[in-house]
Amino acid sequence: MAKKDIFLLTRPPKSERAELCLRLMEHGDDPVLYLAGDGVYNLLDEALMGKWPGKVMACKEDLEARGLQAGDGLNVPEDFYQLLVEDMVEEGSRIYSF
């Protein structure tokens, strides 16, 4: 099975942790970015979204709680946390949490 890098970002844009996530994701294998909590504010950062080479998933409840809208190409699944866990336990996955 192919390797996959899972990035869970719960920090707002321009935070030290979000910046580290950006640097690591540039070297990721088949990266998937999960945005939860204040991490959904990263959708407003065009630099992040413009550089992201993989799939982006956002927590619907966190978007709604912060009054944000999902843009084009953004996945907002009903079962966000179930999908996150499934990706995390997939063989070969590497997990990064910020």
Protein backbone atom coordinates (compact mmCIF):
# COMPACT_ATOMS: atom_id res chain seq x y z
CA MET A 1 0.00 0.00 0.00
CA ALA A 2 1.23 3.50 -0.83
CA LYS A 3 2.45 5.83 1.86
CA LYS A 4 0.25 8.75 2.81
CA ASP A 5 1.09 11.75 4.96
CA ILE A 6 -1.76 12.99 7.14
CA PHE A 7 -1.58 16.55 8.46
CA LEU A 8 -4.02 17.60 11.19
CA LEU A 9 -3.87 21.37 11.62
CA THR A 10 -5.77 22.95 14.51
CA ARG A 11 -3.74 26.18 14.71
CA PRO A 12 -4.58 29.49 13.00
CA PRO A 13 -2.59 30.90 10.05
CA LYS A 14 0.80 32.46 10.70
CA SER A 15 1.22 30.56 13.97
CA GLU A 16 4.54 28.82 14.46
CA ARG A 17 2.84 25.42 14.21
CA ALA A 18 0.98 26.31 10.99
CA GLU A 19 4.26 27.51 9.44
CA LEU A 20 5.95 24.21 10.40
CA CYS A 21 3.06 22.31 8.85
CA LEU A 22 3.56 24.26 5.61
CA ARG A 23 7.24 23.38 5.48
CA LEU A 24 6.66 19.68 6.17
CA MET A 25 3.79 19.27 3.75
CA GLU A 26 5.97 20.38 0.85
CA HIS A 27 7.90 17.11 1.28
CA GLY A 28 4.92 14.85 1.97
CA ASP A 29 3.88 11.68 0.19
CA ASP A 30 0.29 11.90 -1.09
CA PRO A 31 -0.52 14.53 1.56
CA VAL A 32 -3.97 15.05 3.04
CA LEU A 33 -4.62 18.15 5.14
CA TYR A 34 -7.34 17.94 7.81
CA LEU A 35 -8.40 21.30 9.21
CA ALA A 36 -10.20 21.37 12.56
CA GLY A 37 -10.74 23.91 15.34
CA ASP A 38 -8.99 27.20 14.60
CA GLY A 39 -7.17 25.39 11.80
CA VAL A 40 -10.14 26.12 9.51
CA TYR A 41 -9.00 29.77 9.46
CA ASN A 42 -6.13 28.58 7.27
CA LEU A 43 -8.65 28.42 4.44
CA LEU A 44 -8.46 32.22 4.42
CA ASP A 45 -4.70 32.06 3.83
CA GLU A 46 -4.29 31.99 0.06
CA ALA A 47 -0.56 31.24 0.38
CA LEU A 48 -1.32 27.98 2.20
CA MET A 49 -4.13 26.90 -0.06
CA GLY A 50 -2.14 27.87 -3.16
CA LYS A 51 0.84 25.72 -2.14
CA TRP A 52 -1.04 22.69 -0.85
CA PRO A 53 -0.30 19.79 -3.23
CA GLY A 54 -2.89 17.34 -1.92
CA LYS A 55 -6.43 16.91 -0.71
CA VAL A 56 -7.91 19.30 1.88
CA MET A 57 -10.62 18.24 4.34
CA ALA A 58 -12.35 20.66 6.71
CA CYS A 59 -14.56 19.99 9.71
CA LYS A 60 -18.07 21.18 8.91
CA GLU A 61 -18.94 22.01 12.52
CA ASP A 62 -15.78 24.10 12.94
CA LEU A 63 -16.47 26.01 9.70
CA GLU A 64 -20.02 26.74 10.83
CA ALA A 65 -18.94 27.75 14.35
CA ARG A 66 -16.55 30.33 12.87
CA GLY A 67 -18.90 31.57 10.15
CA LEU A 68 -16.69 30.37 7.28
CA GLN A 69 -17.80 29.06 3.90
CA ALA A 70 -16.24 26.12 2.09
CA GLY A 71 -14.53 27.16 -1.15
CA ASP A 72 -14.14 25.29 -4.41
CA GLY A 73 -12.18 22.06 -4.25
CA LEU A 74 -12.62 21.75 -0.49
CA ASN A 75 -13.97 18.56 0.99
CA VAL A 76 -16.34 19.07 3.93
CA PRO A 77 -17.45 15.55 4.80
CA GLU A 78 -20.27 14.78 7.22
CA ASP A 79 -18.03 12.13 8.79
CA PHE A 80 -14.84 14.23 9.12
CA TYR A 81 -13.45 12.49 12.21
CA GLN A 82 -14.26 9.01 10.93
CA LEU A 83 -12.35 9.71 7.72
CA LEU A 84 -9.46 11.17 9.70
CA VAL A 85 -9.21 8.04 11.84
CA GLU A 86 -9.47 5.76 8.81
CA ASP A 87 -6.61 7.62 7.10
CA MET A 88 -4.56 7.55 10.30
CA VAL A 89 -4.78 3.78 10.71
CA GLU A 90 -4.16 3.02 7.04
CA GLU A 91 -0.97 1.03 6.60
CA GLY A 92 1.97 3.23 5.67
CA SER A 93 0.42 6.46 6.91
CA ARG A 94 2.53 9.05 8.67
CA ILE A 95 0.68 11.43 10.94
CA TYR A 96 1.60 15.01 11.79
CA SER A 97 -0.49 16.99 14.25
CA PHE A 98 -0.20 20.73 14.73
